[in-house]
C-alpha atoms as a PDB file:
ATOM      1  CA  MET A   1      61.845-100.743-139.659  1.00  0.00           C
ATOM      2  CA  SER A   2      60.525 -97.412-140.971  1.00  0.00           C
ATOM      3  CA  SER A   3      59.584 -94.427-138.818  1.00  0.00           C
ATOM      4  CA  ALA A   4      55.920 -95.193-139.562  1.00  0.00           C
ATOM      5  CA  GLY A   5      56.453 -98.692-138.208  1.00  0.00           C
ATOM      6  CA  TRP A   6      57.979 -97.437-134.975  1.00  0.00           C
ATOM      7  CA  ALA A   7      55.139 -94.919-134.619  1.00  0.00           C
ATOM      8  CA  ALA A   8      52.555 -97.696-135.039  1.00  0.00           C
ATOM      9  CA  LEU A   9      54.382 -99.897-132.523  1.00  0.00           C
ATOM     10  CA  PHE A  10      54.475 -97.006-130.045  1.00  0.00           C
ATOM     11  CA  VAL A  11      50.696 -96.632-130.416  1.00  0.00           C
ATOM     12  CA  VAL A  12      50.177-100.338-129.703  1.00  0.00           C
ATOM     13  CA  TYR A  13      52.534-100.180-126.706  1.00  0.00           C
ATOM     14  CA  ILE A  14      50.962 -97.150-125.070  1.00  0.00           C
ATOM     15  CA  VAL A  15      47.319 -97.225-126.143  1.00  0.00           C
ATOM     16  CA  TRP A  16      46.689-100.904-125.428  1.00  0.00           C
ATOM     17  CA  GLY A  17      48.574-100.587-122.162  1.00  0.00           C
ATOM     18  CA  SER A  18      46.374 -97.627-121.234  1.00  0.00           C
ATOM     19  CA  THR A  19      43.053 -99.382-121.891  1.00  0.00           C
ATOM     20  CA  TYR A  20      43.116-100.922-118.419  1.00  0.00           C
ATOM     21  CA  LEU A  21      43.289 -97.425-116.956  1.00  0.00           C
ATOM     22  CA  GLY A  22      40.520 -96.317-119.311  1.00  0.00           C
ATOM     23  CA  ILE A  23      38.264 -99.139-118.152  1.00  0.00           C
ATOM     24  CA  GLY A  24      39.019 -98.316-114.530  1.00  0.00           C
ATOM     25  CA  ILE A  25      37.946 -94.699-115.044  1.00  0.00           C
ATOM     26  CA  VAL A  26      34.822 -95.620-117.025  1.00  0.00           C
ATOM     27  CA  ILE A  27      33.476 -97.955-114.344  1.00  0.00           C
ATOM     28  CA  GLU A  28      33.887 -95.299-111.659  1.00  0.00           C
ATOM     29  CA  THR A  29      30.398 -94.074-112.617  1.00  0.00           C
ATOM     30  CA  PHE A  30      29.300 -96.430-115.432  1.00  0.00           C
ATOM     31  CA  PRO A  31      27.939 -99.979-114.990  1.00  0.00           C
ATOM     32  CA  PRO A  32      30.756-102.240-116.285  1.00  0.00           C
ATOM     33  CA  LEU A  33      28.762-104.489-118.618  1.00  0.00           C
ATOM     34  CA  LEU A  34      26.659-101.695-120.080  1.00  0.00           C
ATOM     35  CA  SER A  35      29.713 -99.528-120.720  1.00  0.00           C
ATOM     36  CA  GLY A  36      31.288-102.434-122.618  1.00  0.00           C
ATOM     37  CA  ALA A  37      28.134-102.851-124.704  1.00  0.00           C
ATOM     38  CA  ILE A  38      28.111 -99.159-125.629  1.00  0.00           C
ATOM     39  CA  ARG A  39      31.805 -99.230-126.400  1.00  0.00           C
ATOM     40  CA  PHE A  40      31.736-102.181-128.777  1.00  0.00           C
ATOM     41  CA  PHE A  41      28.495-101.227-130.518  1.00  0.00           C
ATOM     42  CA  ALA A  42      29.856 -97.729-131.154  1.00  0.00           C
ATOM     43  CA  ALA A  43      33.197 -99.082-132.412  1.00  0.00           C
ATOM     44  CA  ALA A  44      31.423-101.609-134.667  1.00  0.00           C
ATOM     45  CA  VAL A  45      29.249 -98.896-136.224  1.00  0.00           C
ATOM     46  CA  LEU A  46      32.183 -96.533-136.764  1.00  0.00           C
ATOM     47  CA  LEU A  47      34.359 -99.234-138.312  1.00  0.00           C
ATOM     48  CA  ALA A  48      31.495-100.410-140.550  1.00  0.00           C
ATOM     49  CA  ILE A  49      30.921 -96.861-141.790  1.00  0.00           C
ATOM     50  CA  VAL A  50      34.613 -96.424-142.594  1.00  0.00           C
ATOM     51  CA  LEU A  51      34.707 -99.738-144.479  1.00  0.00           C
ATOM     52  CA  MET A  52      31.569 -98.916-146.486  1.00  0.00           C
ATOM     53  CA  ILE A  53      32.907 -95.483-147.413  1.00  0.00           C
ATOM     54  CA  ARG A  54      36.174 -97.015-148.606  1.00  0.00           C
ATOM     55  CA  SER A  55      34.847-100.142-150.340  1.00  0.00           C
ATOM     56  CA  GLY A  56      31.057 -99.900-150.622  1.00  0.00           C
ATOM     57  CA  PRO A  57      28.283-101.658-148.638  1.00  0.00           C
ATOM     58  CA  GLY A  58      29.157-105.003-150.216  1.00  0.00           C
ATOM     59  CA  VAL A  59      32.338-105.181-148.159  1.00  0.00           C
ATOM     60  CA  LEU A  60      30.280-106.288-145.158  1.00  0.00           C
ATOM     61  CA  ARG A  61      28.819-109.294-146.972  1.00  0.00           C
ATOM     62  CA  VAL A  62      30.086-112.561-145.452  1.00  0.00           C
ATOM     63  CA  SER A  63      29.104-116.221-145.630  1.00  0.00           C
ATOM     64  CA  PRO A  64      26.848-117.722-142.932  1.00  0.00           C
ATOM     65  CA  ARG A  65      29.776-119.805-141.671  1.00  0.00           C
ATOM     66  CA  GLY A  66      32.002-116.748-141.511  1.00  0.00           C
ATOM     67  CA  LEU A  67      29.326-114.816-139.641  1.00  0.00           C
ATOM     68  CA  GLY A  68      28.843-117.668-137.187  1.00  0.00           C
ATOM     69  CA  SER A  69      32.569-117.958-136.549  1.00  0.00           C
ATOM     70  CA  ALA A  70      32.985-114.198-136.043  1.00  0.00           C
ATOM     71  CA  THR A  71      30.020-114.192-133.669  1.00  0.00           C
ATOM     72  CA  LEU A  72      31.472-117.006-131.556  1.00  0.00           C
ATOM     73  CA  VAL A  73      34.903-115.406-131.441  1.00  0.00           C
ATOM     74  CA  GLY A  74      33.357-112.036-130.551  1.00  0.00           C
ATOM     75  CA  LEU A  75      31.436-113.608-127.669  1.00  0.00           C
ATOM     76  CA  LEU A  76      34.599-115.211-126.286  1.00  0.00           C
ATOM     77  CA  LEU A  77      36.946-112.281-126.828  1.00  0.00           C
ATOM     78  CA  LEU A  78      34.779-109.283-126.078  1.00  0.00           C
ATOM     79  CA  ALA A  79      31.883-110.456-123.913  1.00  0.00           C
ATOM     80  CA  GLY A  80      33.798-113.124-122.016  1.00  0.00           C
ATOM     81  CA  GLY A  81      37.221-111.498-122.202  1.00  0.00           C
ATOM     82  CA  ASN A  82      36.865-107.726-122.079  1.00  0.00           C
ATOM     83  CA  GLY A  83      33.505-107.846-120.322  1.00  0.00           C
ATOM     84  CA  MET A  84      34.975-109.760-117.393  1.00  0.00           C
ATOM     85  CA  VAL A  85      37.957-107.401-117.286  1.00  0.00           C
ATOM     86  CA  SER A  86      35.527-104.548-116.604  1.00  0.00           C
ATOM     87  CA  VAL A  87      33.809-106.570-113.879  1.00  0.00           C
ATOM     88  CA  ALA A  88      37.111-107.625-112.319  1.00  0.00           C
ATOM     89  CA  GLU A  89      38.430-104.066-112.162  1.00  0.00           C
ATOM     90  CA  GLN A  90      35.685-103.314-109.653  1.00  0.00           C
ATOM     91  CA  HIS A  91      37.659-105.510-107.248  1.00  0.00           C
ATOM     92  CA  ILE A  92      41.323-105.356-108.266  1.00  0.00           C
ATOM     93  CA  SER A  93      43.708-102.689-109.477  1.00  0.00           C
ATOM     94  CA  THR A  94      44.091-101.945-113.174  1.00  0.00           C
ATOM     95  CA  GLY A  95      47.779-102.879-112.987  1.00  0.00           C
ATOM     96  CA  MET A  96      47.058-106.286-111.485  1.00  0.00           C
ATOM     97  CA  ALA A  97      44.377-106.896-114.099  1.00  0.00           C
ATOM     98  CA  ALA A  98      46.878-106.197-116.889  1.00  0.00           C
ATOM     99  CA  LEU A  99      49.520-108.458-115.350  1.00  0.00           C
ATOM    100  CA  LEU A 100      47.132-111.395-114.957  1.00  0.00           C
ATOM    101  CA  VAL A 101      45.694-110.923-118.465  1.00  0.00           C
ATOM    102  CA  SER A 102      49.235-111.104-119.822  1.00  0.00           C
ATOM    103  CA  SER A 103      49.018-114.853-119.121  1.00  0.00           C
ATOM    104  CA  VAL A 104      47.053-115.274-122.385  1.00  0.00           C
ATOM    105  CA  PRO A 105      50.067-116.519-124.438  1.00  0.00           C
ATOM    106  CA  LEU A 106      50.642-119.177-121.787  1.00  0.00           C
ATOM    107  CA  TRP A 107      47.102-120.522-122.169  1.00  0.00           C
ATOM    108  CA  LEU A 108      47.489-120.565-125.938  1.00  0.00           C
ATOM    109  CA  VAL A 109      50.484-122.866-125.635  1.00  0.00           C
ATOM    110  CA  VAL A 110      48.450-125.170-123.364  1.00  0.00           C
ATOM    111  CA  PHE A 111      45.665-125.332-125.969  1.00  0.00           C
ATOM    112  CA  ARG A 112      48.193-126.064-128.708  1.00  0.00           C
ATOM    113  CA  ARG A 113      49.520-128.945-126.646  1.00  0.00           C
ATOM    114  CA  LEU A 114      46.017-130.312-126.045  1.00  0.00           C
ATOM    115  CA  SER A 115      45.337-130.148-129.786  1.00  0.00           C
ATOM    116  CA  GLY A 116      48.318-132.384-130.509  1.00  0.00           C
ATOM    117  CA  ASP A 117      51.065-129.818-131.117  1.00  0.00           C
ATOM    118  CA  ARG A 118      54.404-130.322-129.389  1.00  0.00           C
ATOM    119  CA  PRO A 119      55.840-126.939-128.355  1.00  0.00           C
ATOM    120  CA  PRO A 120      59.619-126.686-127.860  1.00  0.00           C
ATOM    121  CA  LEU A 121      60.976-127.376-124.381  1.00  0.00           C
ATOM    122  CA  ALA A 122      61.849-123.696-123.927  1.00  0.00           C
ATOM    123  CA  THR A 123      58.223-122.773-124.628  1.00  0.00           C
ATOM    124  CA  VAL A 124      57.046-125.239-121.983  1.00  0.00           C
ATOM    125  CA  ALA A 125      59.565-123.742-119.542  1.00  0.00           C
ATOM    126  CA  GLY A 126      58.141-120.289-120.308  1.00  0.00           C
ATOM    127  CA  VAL A 127      54.616-121.531-119.602  1.00  0.00           C
ATOM    128  CA  VAL A 128      55.650-123.030-116.263  1.00  0.00           C
ATOM    129  CA  THR A 129      57.480-119.822-115.338  1.00  0.00           C
ATOM    130  CA  GLY A 130      54.552-117.646-116.349  1.00  0.00           C
ATOM    131  CA  PHE A 131      51.966-119.637-114.409  1.00  0.00           C
ATOM    132  CA  THR A 132      54.263-119.593-111.390  1.00  0.00           C
ATOM    133  CA  GLY A 133      54.108-115.811-111.601  1.00  0.00           C
ATOM    134  CA  VAL A 134      50.300-115.953-111.845  1.00  0.00           C
ATOM    135  CA  ALA A 135      50.203-118.091-108.701  1.00  0.00           C
ATOM    136  CA  LEU A 136      52.533-115.736-106.839  1.00  0.00           C
ATOM    137  CA  LEU A 137      50.564-112.665-107.846  1.00  0.00           C
ATOM    138  CA  SER A 138      47.273-114.305-106.867  1.00  0.00           C
ATOM    139  CA  LEU A 139      48.356-115.846-103.562  1.00  0.00           C
ATOM    140  CA  LEU A 140      50.547-113.026-102.240  1.00  0.00           C
ATOM    141  CA  SER A 141      48.151-110.184-102.983  1.00  0.00           C
ATOM    142  CA  ASP A 142      46.368-108.569-100.065  1.00  0.00           C
ATOM    143  CA  GLY A 143      42.595-108.369 -99.729  1.00  0.00           C
ATOM    144  CA  GLY A 144      42.417-104.828-101.036  1.00  0.00           C
ATOM    145  CA  ALA A 145      43.787-104.539-104.559  1.00  0.00           C
ATOM    146  CA  GLY A 146      43.711-108.262-105.062  1.00  0.00           C
ATOM    147  CA  SER A 147      40.391-109.644-103.843  1.00  0.00           C
ATOM    148  CA  ALA A 148      39.703-113.302-104.539  1.00  0.00           C
ATOM    149  CA  VAL A 149      36.630-112.409-106.596  1.00  0.00           C
ATOM    150  CA  GLY A 150      38.529-110.004-108.829  1.00  0.00           C
ATOM    151  CA  ILE A 151      41.415-112.413-109.377  1.00  0.00           C
ATOM    152  CA  THR A 152      39.050-115.266-110.228  1.00  0.00           C
ATOM    153  CA  VAL A 153      37.099-113.149-112.699  1.00  0.00           C
ATOM    154  CA  ILE A 154      40.205-111.747-114.413  1.00  0.00           C
ATOM    155  CA  LEU A 155      41.680-115.238-114.813  1.00  0.00           C
ATOM    156  CA  LEU A 156      38.388-116.394-116.362  1.00  0.00           C
ATOM    157  CA  ALA A 157      38.601-113.370-118.669  1.00  0.00           C
ATOM    158  CA  ALA A 158      42.112-114.378-119.758  1.00  0.00           C
ATOM    159  CA  LEU A 159      40.930-117.952-120.298  1.00  0.00           C
ATOM    160  CA  SER A 160      37.939-116.818-122.390  1.00  0.00           C
ATOM    161  CA  TRP A 161      40.164-114.545-124.480  1.00  0.00           C
ATOM    162  CA  SER A 162      42.625-117.397-124.981  1.00  0.00           C
ATOM    163  CA  VAL A 163      39.916-119.794-126.185  1.00  0.00           C
ATOM    164  CA  GLY A 164      38.635-117.142-128.608  1.00  0.00           C
ATOM    165  CA  SER A 165      42.122-116.439-129.906  1.00  0.00           C
ATOM    166  CA  PHE A 166      42.849-120.146-130.320  1.00  0.00           C
ATOM    167  CA  LEU A 167      39.597-120.822-132.200  1.00  0.00           C
ATOM    168  CA  SER A 168      39.905-117.752-134.415  1.00  0.00           C
ATOM    169  CA  SER A 169      42.818-119.326-136.270  1.00  0.00           C
ATOM    170  CA  ARG A 170      40.914-122.577-136.771  1.00  0.00           C
ATOM    171  CA  LEU A 171      37.445-121.395-137.737  1.00  0.00           C
ATOM    172  CA  PRO A 172      36.285-120.157-141.183  1.00  0.00           C
ATOM    173  CA  MET A 173      36.513-116.444-140.378  1.00  0.00           C
ATOM    174  CA  PRO A 174      35.660-113.662-142.875  1.00  0.00           C
ATOM    175  CA  GLY A 175      38.609-112.994-145.195  1.00  0.00           C
ATOM    176  CA  ASN A 176      38.805-109.305-144.306  1.00  0.00           C
ATOM    177  CA  SER A 177      39.984-108.970-140.691  1.00  0.00           C
ATOM    178  CA  PHE A 178      38.379-105.537-140.338  1.00  0.00           C
ATOM    179  CA  VAL A 179      35.014-106.921-141.461  1.00  0.00           C
ATOM    180  CA  ALA A 180      35.433-109.795-139.016  1.00  0.00           C
ATOM    181  CA  SER A 181      36.021-107.251-136.261  1.00  0.00           C
ATOM    182  CA  VAL A 182      32.765-105.445-137.089  1.00  0.00           C
ATOM    183  CA  TYR A 183      30.789-108.636-136.474  1.00  0.00           C
ATOM    184  CA  GLU A 184      32.889-109.630-133.474  1.00  0.00           C
ATOM    185  CA  MET A 185      32.292-106.275-131.818  1.00  0.00           C
ATOM    186  CA  ALA A 186      28.595-106.291-132.674  1.00  0.00           C
ATOM    187  CA  ALA A 187      28.192-109.787-131.186  1.00  0.00           C
ATOM    188  CA  GLY A 188      30.201-108.897-128.092  1.00  0.00           C
ATOM    189  CA  GLY A 189      28.260-105.674-127.616  1.00  0.00           C
ATOM    190  CA  LEU A 190      24.885-107.443-127.922  1.00  0.00           C
ATOM    191  CA  ALA A 191      25.924-110.154-125.459  1.00  0.00           C
ATOM    192  CA  LEU A 192      27.117-107.556-122.949  1.00  0.00           C
ATOM    193  CA  LEU A 193      23.830-105.667-123.342  1.00  0.00           C
ATOM    194  CA  VAL A 194      21.867-108.843-122.572  1.00  0.00           C
ATOM    195  CA  LEU A 195      24.113-109.630-119.591  1.00  0.00           C
ATOM    196  CA  SER A 196      23.736-106.060-118.351  1.00  0.00           C
ATOM    197  CA  ALA A 197      19.935-106.298-118.522  1.00  0.00           C
ATOM    198  CA  THR A 198      19.964-109.726-116.859  1.00  0.00           C
ATOM    199  CA  LYS A 199      22.093-108.421-114.032  1.00  0.00           C
ATOM    200  CA  GLY A 200      19.788-105.431-113.642  1.00  0.00           C
ATOM    201  CA  GLU A 201      22.383-102.771-114.349  1.00  0.00           C
ATOM    202  CA  SER A 202      20.987 -99.254-114.549  1.00  0.00           C
ATOM    203  CA  PHE A 203      22.369 -95.759-114.392  1.00  0.00           C
ATOM    204  CA  ASP A 204      21.348 -92.134-114.209  1.00  0.00           C
ATOM    205  CA  LEU A 205      22.859 -89.996-116.954  1.00  0.00           C
ATOM    206  CA  SER A 206      23.245 -87.161-114.492  1.00  0.00           C
ATOM    207  CA  GLN A 207      25.456 -89.381-112.329  1.00  0.00           C
ATOM    208  CA  ILE A 208      27.937 -90.226-115.103  1.00  0.00           C
ATOM    209  CA  SER A 209      31.020 -88.064-114.706  1.00  0.00           C
ATOM    210  CA  MET A 210      32.650 -86.223-117.593  1.00  0.00           C
ATOM    211  CA  ARG A 211      35.806 -88.141-116.692  1.00  0.00           C
ATOM    212  CA  SER A 212      34.030 -91.451-117.381  1.00  0.00           C
ATOM    213  CA  TRP A 213      32.501 -90.184-120.652  1.00  0.00           C
ATOM    214  CA  LEU A 214      35.918 -89.061-121.870  1.00  0.00           C
ATOM    215  CA  ALA A 215      37.477 -92.393-120.910  1.00  0.00           C
ATOM    216  CA  LEU A 216      34.724 -94.250-122.790  1.00  0.00           C
ATOM    217  CA  ALA A 217      35.287 -92.091-125.876  1.00  0.00           C
ATOM    218  CA  TYR A 218      39.018 -92.815-125.597  1.00  0.00           C
ATOM    219  CA  LEU A 219      38.406 -96.572-125.459  1.00  0.00           C
ATOM    220  CA  ILE A 220      36.132 -96.438-128.513  1.00  0.00           C
ATOM    221  CA  THR A 221      38.375 -94.312-130.718  1.00  0.00           C
ATOM    222  CA  PHE A 222      41.910 -95.075-129.575  1.00  0.00           C
ATOM    223  CA  GLY A 223      41.612 -98.506-127.964  1.00  0.00           C
ATOM    224  CA  SER A 224      39.108-100.042-130.389  1.00  0.00           C
ATOM    225  CA  LEU A 225      39.962 -98.323-133.671  1.00  0.00           C
ATOM    226  CA  ILE A 226      43.334 -96.564-133.888  1.00  0.00           C
ATOM    227  CA  ALA A 227      45.424 -99.099-131.958  1.00  0.00           C
ATOM    228  CA  PHE A 228      43.809-102.044-133.736  1.00  0.00           C
ATOM    229  CA  THR A 229      44.434-100.462-137.149  1.00  0.00           C
ATOM    230  CA  SER A 230      48.067 -99.927-136.152  1.00  0.00           C
ATOM    231  CA  TYR A 231      48.352-103.550-135.049  1.00  0.00           C
ATOM    232  CA  VAL A 232      46.921-104.898-138.307  1.00  0.00           C
ATOM    233  CA  TRP A 233      49.287-102.673-140.295  1.00  0.00           C
ATOM    234  CA  LEU A 234      52.241-103.889-138.232  1.00  0.00           C
ATOM    235  CA  LEU A 235      51.404-107.530-138.919  1.00  0.00           C
ATOM    236  CA  GLY A 236      52.031-106.888-142.597  1.00  0.00           C
ATOM    237  CA  ASN A 237      54.949-104.490-142.283  1.00  0.00           C
ATOM    238  CA  ALA A 238      57.048-105.491-139.252  1.00  0.00           C
ATOM    239  CA  PRO A 239      58.646-108.670-137.879  1.00  0.00           C
ATOM    240  CA  ILE A 240      56.142-110.670-135.798  1.00  0.00           C
ATOM    241  CA  SER A 241      58.830-111.034-133.134  1.00  0.00           C
ATOM    242  CA  LEU A 242      58.914-107.259-132.714  1.00  0.00           C
ATOM    243  CA  VAL A 243      55.149-106.858-132.808  1.00  0.00           C
ATOM    244  CA  GLY A 244      54.822-109.556-130.146  1.00  0.00           C
ATOM    245  CA  THR A 245      56.865-107.552-127.648  1.00  0.00           C
ATOM    246  CA  TYR A 246      53.752-105.592-126.701  1.00  0.00           C
ATOM    247  CA  ALA A 247      52.756-108.665-124.644  1.00  0.00           C
ATOM    248  CA  TYR A 248      55.209-107.642-121.956  1.00  0.00           C
ATOM    249  CA  VAL A 249      55.275-103.885-122.538  1.00  0.00           C
ATOM    250  CA  ASN A 250      51.514-103.367-122.045  1.00  0.00           C
ATOM    251  CA  PRO A 251      51.463-104.630-118.424  1.00  0.00           C
ATOM    252  CA  ALA A 252      54.323-102.307-117.474  1.00  0.00           C
ATOM    253  CA  VAL A 253      52.462 -99.366-119.037  1.00  0.00           C
ATOM    254  CA  ALA A 254      49.255-100.356-117.228  1.00  0.00           C
ATOM    255  CA  VAL A 255      50.947-100.649-113.827  1.00  0.00           C
ATOM    256  CA  GLY A 256      52.719 -97.297-114.285  1.00  0.00           C
ATOM    257  CA  LEU A 257      49.570 -95.456-115.388  1.00  0.00           C
ATOM    258  CA  GLY A 258      47.503 -97.008-112.602  1.00  0.00           C
ATOM    259  CA  ALA A 259      49.998 -95.796-110.018  1.00  0.00           C
ATOM    260  CA  LEU A 260      50.361 -92.361-111.610  1.00  0.00           C
ATOM    261  CA  VAL A 261      46.715 -91.542-112.393  1.00  0.00           C
ATOM    262  CA  LEU A 262      44.717 -93.625-109.900  1.00  0.00           C
ATOM    263  CA  SER A 263      47.339 -93.756-107.130  1.00  0.00           C
ATOM    264  CA  GLU A 264      47.216 -97.540-107.107  1.00  0.00           C
ATOM    265  CA  PRO A 265      49.800 -99.052-104.760  1.00  0.00           C
ATOM    266  CA  VAL A 266      52.628-100.976-106.409  1.00  0.00           C
ATOM    267  CA  THR A 267      53.430-103.616-103.809  1.00  0.00           C
ATOM    268  CA  TRP A 268      56.291-106.095-103.768  1.00  0.00           C
ATOM    269  CA  PRO A 269      53.966-109.055-104.571  1.00  0.00           C
ATOM    270  CA  THR A 270      52.801-107.136-107.643  1.00  0.00           C
ATOM    271  CA  LEU A 271      56.367-106.474-108.737  1.00  0.00           C
ATOM    272  CA  LEU A 272      57.537-110.036-108.017  1.00  0.00           C
ATOM    273  CA  GLY A 273      54.581-111.853-109.555  1.00  0.00           C
ATOM    274  CA  GLY A 274      54.422-109.465-112.499  1.00  0.00           C
ATOM    275  CA  ALA A 275      58.131-109.840-113.219  1.00  0.00           C
ATOM    276  CA  VAL A 276      57.866-113.646-113.228  1.00  0.00           C
ATOM    277  CA  ILE A 277      54.810-113.582-115.526  1.00  0.00           C
ATOM    278  CA  ILE A 278      56.486-111.224-117.977  1.00  0.00           C
ATOM    279  CA  ALA A 279      59.662-113.344-117.912  1.00  0.00           C
ATOM    280  CA  GLY A 280      57.629-116.423-118.792  1.00  0.00           C
ATOM    281  CA  VAL A 281      55.759-114.634-121.578  1.00  0.00           C
ATOM    282  CA  GLY A 282      59.033-113.242-122.897  1.00  0.00           C
ATOM    283  CA  LEU A 283      60.506-116.743-123.050  1.00  0.00           C
ATOM    284  CA  VAL A 284      57.432-118.055-124.892  1.00  0.00           C
ATOM    285  CA  VAL A 285      57.377-115.196-127.414  1.00  0.00           C
ATOM    286  CA  SER A 286      61.124-115.360-128.097  1.00  0.00           C
ATOM    287  CA  THR A 287      61.000-119.144-128.543  1.00  0.00           C
ATOM    288  CA  GLU A 288      58.002-118.978-130.870  1.00  0.00           C
ATOM    289  CA  ARG A 289      59.837-116.336-132.884  1.00  0.00           C
ATOM    290  CA  ARG A 290      62.752-118.677-133.450  1.00  0.00           C
ATOM    291  CA  THR A 291      60.405-121.500-134.459  1.00  0.00           C
ATOM    292  CA  LYS A 292      58.425-119.055-136.630  1.00  0.00           C
ATOM    293  CA  ILE A 293      55.081-119.873-134.992  1.00  0.00           C
ATOM    294  CA  PRO A 294      53.090-116.660-134.402  1.00  0.00           C
ATOM    295  CA  VAL A 295      51.367-116.347-131.047  1.00  0.00           C
ATOM    296  CA  ALA A 296      48.365-114.132-130.296  1.00  0.00           C
ATOM    297  CA  VAL A 297      49.454-112.473-127.116  1.00  0.00           C
ATOM    298  CA  THR A 298      46.755-110.371-125.411  1.00  0.00           C
ATOM    299  CA  PRO A 299      43.142-109.290-125.545  1.00  0.00           C
ATOM    300  CA  GLU A 300      43.454-107.041-128.534  1.00  0.00           C
ATOM    301  CA  PRO A 301      44.970-108.614-131.601  1.00  0.00           C
ATOM    302  CA  VAL A 302      42.182-110.710-133.039  1.00  0.00           C
ATOM    303  CA  ALA A 303      39.420-108.287-132.244  1.00  0.00           C
ATOM    304  CA  VAL A 304      39.493-104.968-130.541  1.00  0.00           C
ATOM    305  CA  LYS A 305      39.827-103.941-126.912  1.00  0.00           C
END
């Protein structure tokens, strides 16, 4: 692979792994749902402007079916997936959130099986291993970093992201993936805004720290634009087996950054459960590579985190 390819892969490894830390810093002083709404609306507008500059306003024209599909996928991925990650990180560490979200490829195999597909035995073994790790991480965590509420919400987030990822390959999506992302982010942002208002979230601008503003800007530009662009480029220029390795690199990055920046404790249940999850995901990804069936592996590939 070229040097540009390795650079793009490095961006996906580090930036997507760091988004959990970014979310954790944003919600220190920002309401979680409202911050997600601002983030995705801003990213949608920026991406739409870039597309129109490059290809003209007509690039955003899509069929009603395509718009409906992108809207549904955006609701599942961004409102249900990323929105619940922000809520969950009020109760659990950023590292634990990343490790539990890494179960997404396991859910995708389950959905494939329910739809009539017959995954290889090694893939099934990877799913069983991965969910064993999820159980260990959930049951052995203490009441501090791993509250029951946070774990429940983050697992629902992973499930919502998995459903969105599964449907995105079966619905009539817009042909241009970047255009699809504009509508996905707009739909997710609107849904999060409604949920924020329903929940009664409010904030005082004077109470928002510069640290949280900078983290939000980082999530918009790096997490939702630069890393996604790198990922899309990699899909067309690098082996899918190599691109898929970010599924088990991101959690390690997230755990390390959480410990380094936020002083989050790295306990033995976290290490044990996380290692088992990553082993299961690694088995699934490597098996799918050999059978040449691509797997969407975390909350960022189809849309933007």
